[in-house]
């Protein structure tokens, strides 16, 4: 005898229950359609055609029992395997750090160069400003000295002219004030007067250089009646600038020259100076 497949009894029971429920539903529907209608009153004015009652529905054939197989259990969801953590590439990290270090070094070097350039520019600007101020100060002093020298020369020229007028007036000269002749005088300086003047000026000469030969520097000196030196001028150079300058400084330092033997002072006199006299 063949073995009954499992679950046959349960399927049969379910089929019988389903048929019973279907039959009860059919019976309920037929009873609902055949129930007597409620009374209705209506006033008829004309003949109304009668409508036939609906035909009773034939019962549906019983369904063939179908073997219901239990649904297989769903397969378990796949377990997601955890992805392995990425392993950092040591070489890439080293290269990246090296690039960042080089970039930082380059930025620092650039900043340092820019700071040095700014400092150098500020230093040059400060030097230029100082030089401009110094130049302006030198120009200002030169102008002041030139103006002062011009003013002194004007004063000396005025004093010389006044003294010359006075001397010419005292001597009874008839020439104008601009002349330098001595025709109105009875005699010129004495023979030893130039030597006396040279002897007065010579100690004030400061000159330590050695020169070849014994060059002569001739100086013209203009004097006041009391012997005060009003001006000096190199009329003949010795060819040695240091000796010429030393002689002019000595004349300026002397300031006053002695009178001649007759008590007078010539207004103009030329004196020769030699380094080895």
Protein backbone atom coordinates (compact mmCIF):
# COMPACT_ATOMS: atom_id res chain seq x y z
CA UNK A 1 0.00 0.00 0.00
CA UNK A 2 1.49 3.42 -1.04
CA UNK A 3 2.51 5.81 1.72
CA UNK A 4 0.21 8.82 2.11
CA UNK A 5 2.01 12.05 1.46
CA UNK A 6 2.39 14.25 4.52
CA UNK A 7 -0.14 17.05 5.06
CA UNK A 8 -3.00 15.30 3.19
CA UNK A 9 -5.33 15.32 6.17
CA UNK A 10 -4.90 18.98 6.90
CA UNK A 11 -5.49 19.87 3.25
CA UNK A 12 -8.69 17.86 3.16
CA UNK A 13 -10.02 19.54 6.28
CA UNK A 14 -9.29 22.95 4.83
CA UNK A 15 -11.08 22.01 1.58
CA UNK A 16 -14.21 20.85 3.44
CA UNK A 17 -14.34 24.05 5.48
CA UNK A 18 -14.02 26.12 2.35
CA UNK A 19 -16.91 24.24 0.66
CA UNK A 20 -19.11 24.67 3.69
CA UNK A 21 -18.52 28.38 3.81
CA UNK A 22 -19.25 28.63 0.07
CA UNK A 23 -22.57 26.80 0.41
CA UNK A 24 -23.64 29.01 3.32
CA UNK A 25 -22.90 32.10 1.28
CA UNK A 26 -24.99 30.80 -1.67
CA UNK A 27 -27.93 30.00 0.55
CA UNK A 28 -27.83 33.41 2.17
CA UNK A 29 -27.77 35.14 -1.19
CA UNK A 30 -30.78 33.18 -2.53
CA UNK A 31 -32.79 33.87 0.60
CA UNK A 32 -32.00 37.59 0.39
CA UNK A 33 -33.18 37.77 -3.24
CA UNK A 34 -36.45 35.84 -2.62
CA UNK A 35 -37.66 37.73 0.41
CA UNK A 36 -41.19 39.30 -0.11
CA UNK A 37 -41.00 42.97 -1.03
CA UNK A 38 -42.58 45.57 1.20
CA UNK A 39 -46.04 46.87 0.22
CA UNK A 40 -46.15 49.91 -2.01
CA UNK A 41 -49.20 52.02 -2.74
CA UNK A 42 -49.42 53.73 -6.09
CA UNK A 43 -52.21 55.36 -8.11
CA UNK A 44 -52.31 53.87 -11.60
CA UNK A 45 -53.39 56.08 -14.49
CA UNK A 46 -52.45 53.66 -17.25
CA UNK A 47 -51.51 50.09 -17.71
CA UNK A 48 -47.99 49.33 -16.59
CA UNK A 49 -46.20 46.35 -18.07
CA UNK A 50 -45.21 43.67 -15.58
CA UNK A 51 -41.51 42.92 -15.24
CA UNK A 52 -40.61 39.28 -14.70
CA UNK A 53 -38.73 38.35 -11.54
CA UNK A 54 -35.08 37.51 -11.95
CA UNK A 55 -34.15 33.93 -12.62
CA UNK A 56 -32.74 32.05 -9.71
CA UNK A 57 -28.98 31.76 -10.07
CA UNK A 58 -27.71 28.27 -10.57
CA UNK A 59 -25.37 27.07 -7.86
CA UNK A 60 -21.73 27.21 -8.79
CA UNK A 61 -19.94 23.90 -9.08
CA UNK A 62 -17.92 22.89 -6.08
CA UNK A 63 -14.28 23.73 -6.54
CA UNK A 64 -11.82 20.92 -6.92
CA UNK A 65 -9.74 20.66 -3.83
CA UNK A 66 -6.25 21.81 -4.51
CA UNK A 67 -3.39 20.47 -2.57
CA UNK A 68 -1.84 23.36 -0.74
CA UNK A 69 1.86 22.98 -0.22
CA UNK A 70 3.42 24.95 2.56
CA UNK A 71 5.65 27.75 1.34
CA UNK A 72 9.32 27.01 1.81
CA UNK A 73 11.01 29.14 4.46
CA UNK A 74 12.80 32.20 3.04
CA UNK A 75 16.51 31.85 2.72
CA UNK A 76 18.49 33.61 5.40
CA UNK A 77 19.76 37.07 4.37
CA UNK A 78 23.36 37.09 3.26
CA UNK A 79 25.72 38.22 5.94
CA UNK A 80 27.74 41.22 4.73
CA UNK A 81 31.40 40.66 5.22
CA UNK A 82 33.16 43.68 6.75
CA UNK A 83 35.44 45.37 4.30
CA UNK A 84 39.04 45.34 5.36
CA UNK A 85 40.33 48.66 6.61
CA UNK A 86 42.49 50.38 4.00
CA UNK A 87 46.13 50.01 4.76
CA UNK A 88 47.92 53.38 4.35
CA UNK A 89 50.68 53.38 1.82
CA UNK A 90 53.80 54.35 3.74
CA UNK A 91 55.62 55.56 0.64
CA UNK A 92 52.71 57.85 -0.38
CA UNK A 93 52.54 59.31 3.12
CA UNK A 94 56.30 59.94 3.09
CA UNK A 95 56.16 61.62 -0.33
CA UNK A 96 53.22 63.79 0.74
CA UNK A 97 54.98 64.87 3.92
CA UNK A 98 58.13 65.60 1.91
CA UNK A 99 56.21 67.75 -0.57
CA UNK A 100 54.51 69.66 2.23
CA UNK A 101 57.86 70.22 3.95
CA UNK A 102 59.43 71.49 0.71
CA UNK A 103 56.46 73.81 0.08
CA UNK A 104 56.70 75.17 3.62
CA UNK A 105 60.45 75.69 3.24
CA UNK A 106 59.94 77.49 -0.09
CA UNK A 107 57.24 79.73 1.43
CA UNK A 108 59.50 80.57 4.39
CA UNK A 109 62.39 81.36 2.05
CA UNK A 110 60.17 83.58 -0.08
CA UNK A 111 58.92 85.46 2.99
CA UNK A 112 62.50 85.89 4.25
CA UNK A 113 63.66 87.27 0.88
CA UNK A 114 60.72 89.68 0.74
CA UNK A 115 61.49 90.87 4.28
CA UNK A 116 65.15 91.39 3.37
CA UNK A 117 64.18 93.32 0.25
CA UNK A 118 61.84 95.56 2.26
CA UNK A 119 64.53 96.18 4.88
CA UNK A 120 67.11 96.95 2.18
CA UNK A 121 64.74 99.34 0.43
CA UNK A 122 63.94 101.11 3.70
CA UNK A 123 67.68 101.38 4.43
CA UNK A 124 68.38 102.84 0.97
CA UNK A 125 65.50 105.29 1.34
CA UNK A 126 66.80 106.39 4.74
CA UNK A 127 70.33 106.86 3.34
CA UNK A 128 68.96 108.82 0.39
CA UNK A 129 66.95 111.05 2.72
CA UNK A 130 69.99 111.64 4.92
CA UNK A 131 72.15 112.43 1.89
CA UNK A 132 69.52 114.81 0.54
CA UNK A 133 69.28 116.57 3.90
CA UNK A 134 73.08 116.75 4.17
CA UNK A 135 73.32 118.14 0.65
CA UNK A 136 70.69 120.75 1.42
CA UNK A 137 72.54 121.68 4.61
CA UNK A 138 75.84 122.00 2.72
CA UNK A 139 74.21 124.16 0.05
CA UNK A 140 72.62 126.32 2.72
CA UNK A 141 75.95 126.78 4.52
CA UNK A 142 77.69 127.57 1.25
CA UNK A 143 75.13 130.23 0.47
CA UNK A 144 75.41 131.67 3.96
CA UNK A 145 79.23 131.71 3.77
CA UNK A 146 79.16 133.26 0.31
CA UNK A 147 76.76 135.94 1.48
CA UNK A 148 78.84 136.56 4.59
CA UNK A 149 82.06 136.71 2.57
CA UNK A 150 80.50 139.08 0.08
CA UNK A 151 79.27 141.28 2.89
CA UNK A 152 82.73 141.32 4.50
CA UNK A 153 84.37 142.12 1.18
CA UNK A 154 81.97 144.99 0.70
CA UNK A 155 82.76 146.28 4.18
CA UNK A 156 86.50 145.96 3.55
CA UNK A 157 86.20 147.68 0.18
CA UNK A 158 84.26 150.52 1.77
CA UNK A 159 86.84 150.80 4.58
CA UNK A 160 89.74 150.78 2.10
CA UNK A 161 88.10 153.45 0.01
CA UNK A 162 87.42 155.60 3.05
CA UNK A 163 91.00 155.18 4.32
CA UNK A 164 92.42 155.96 0.89
CA UNK A 165 90.33 159.11 0.65
CA UNK A 166 91.46 160.17 4.08
CA UNK A 167 95.15 159.49 3.31
CA UNK A 168 94.98 161.29 -0.01
CA UNK A 169 93.22 164.19 1.63
CA UNK A 170 95.87 164.40 4.34
CA UNK A 171 98.72 164.22 1.78
CA UNK A 172 97.09 166.83 -0.42
CA UNK A 173 96.93 164.47 -3.41
CA UNK A 174 94.86 165.51 -6.35
CA UNK A 175 94.12 162.01 -7.75
CA UNK A 176 90.78 160.32 -7.23
CA UNK A 177 90.17 157.68 -4.60
CA UNK A 178 90.62 154.78 -7.02
CA UNK A 179 94.24 155.53 -7.87
CA UNK A 180 97.15 153.66 -6.27
CA UNK A 181 100.00 155.99 -7.16
CA UNK A 182 102.18 157.75 -4.57
CA UNK A 183 103.14 160.87 -6.48
CA UNK A 184 101.95 163.15 -3.66
CA UNK A 185 104.31 161.56 -1.17
CA UNK A 186 107.78 162.99 -0.54
CA UNK A 187 109.40 159.59 -0.58
CA UNK A 188 108.60 155.85 -0.67
CA UNK A 189 109.16 153.29 2.10
CA UNK A 190 112.61 153.17 3.59
CA UNK A 191 115.09 150.60 2.36
CA UNK A 192 114.75 148.39 5.40
CA UNK A 193 110.95 148.61 5.75
CA UNK A 194 110.23 145.51 3.60
CA UNK A 195 112.70 143.52 5.69
CA UNK A 196 111.04 144.67 8.91
CA UNK A 197 107.62 143.59 7.59
CA UNK A 198 109.00 140.24 6.44
CA UNK A 199 110.60 139.75 9.84
CA UNK A 200 107.21 140.41 11.49
CA UNK A 201 105.35 137.91 9.27
CA UNK A 202 108.01 135.17 8.96
CA UNK A 203 107.53 133.68 12.50
CA UNK A 204 103.84 133.06 11.71
CA UNK A 205 104.61 130.87 8.69
CA UNK A 206 103.93 127.18 9.40
CA UNK A 207 105.41 125.02 6.65
CA UNK A 208 107.06 121.63 7.13
CA UNK A 209 107.25 120.33 3.55
CA UNK A 210 110.48 120.14 1.60
CA UNK A 211 110.66 121.87 -1.80
CA UNK A 212 113.29 121.91 -4.49
CA UNK A 213 115.03 125.22 -4.92
CA UNK A 214 113.91 128.37 -3.14
CA UNK A 215 110.73 129.51 -4.92
CA UNK A 216 109.37 133.03 -4.35
CA UNK A 217 105.76 133.86 -3.41
CA UNK A 218 104.87 137.57 -3.80
CA UNK A 219 102.00 138.93 -1.71
CA UNK A 220 100.32 142.33 -2.02
CA UNK A 221 99.19 143.76 1.32
CA UNK A 222 96.85 146.73 1.75
CA UNK A 223 97.19 148.57 5.06
CA UNK A 224 95.37 151.11 7.14
CA UNK A 225 97.24 154.21 8.38
CA UNK A 226 97.73 152.51 11.76
CA UNK A 227 99.27 149.41 10.13
CA UNK A 228 96.18 147.18 10.29
CA UNK A 229 96.09 144.70 7.40
CA UNK A 230 92.94 145.28 5.39
CA UNK A 231 93.50 142.69 2.66
CA UNK A 232 96.08 140.38 1.12
CA UNK A 233 96.46 138.99 -2.37
CA UNK A 234 98.91 136.57 -3.97
CA UNK A 235 100.29 138.43 -7.00
CA UNK A 236 102.92 135.84 -7.94
CA UNK A 237 102.75 132.15 -7.07
CA UNK A 238 105.83 130.20 -6.08
CA UNK A 239 104.56 127.16 -7.94
CA UNK A 240 104.10 125.34 -4.64
CA UNK A 241 100.52 125.74 -3.48
CA UNK A 242 101.29 124.61 0.08
CA UNK A 243 103.94 127.38 0.42
CA UNK A 244 101.62 130.02 -1.06
CA UNK A 245 98.82 129.06 1.36
CA UNK A 246 101.23 129.07 4.32
CA UNK A 247 102.38 132.63 3.46
CA UNK A 248 98.80 133.94 3.11
CA UNK A 249 97.82 132.37 6.45
CA UNK A 250 100.85 133.97 8.13
CA UNK A 251 99.93 137.43 6.75
CA UNK A 252 96.37 137.03 8.01
CA UNK A 253 97.60 135.89 11.42
CA UNK A 254 99.95 138.93 11.75
CA UNK A 255 97.01 141.38 11.55
CA UNK A 256 99.10 144.57 12.18
CA UNK A 257 102.39 145.65 10.59
CA UNK A 258 104.89 148.12 12.04
CA UNK A 259 105.17 151.75 10.90
CA UNK A 260 108.04 152.98 8.77
CA UNK A 261 110.86 155.05 10.20
CA UNK A 262 109.01 158.29 9.42
CA UNK A 263 105.96 157.04 11.40
CA UNK A 264 103.84 156.46 8.34
CA UNK A 265 102.41 153.24 6.84
CA UNK A 266 102.20 152.80 3.08
CA UNK A 267 98.71 151.90 1.91
CA UNK A 268 99.97 149.14 -0.42
CA UNK A 269 103.14 147.09 -0.28
CA UNK A 270 104.41 143.94 -2.02
CA UNK A 271 106.56 141.47 -0.10
CA UNK A 272 108.53 138.43 -1.35
CA UNK A 273 108.73 135.26 0.73
CA UNK A 274 111.11 132.31 0.21
CA UNK A 275 110.97 129.07 2.22
CA UNK A 276 114.74 129.03 2.87
CA UNK A 277 115.32 132.72 3.76
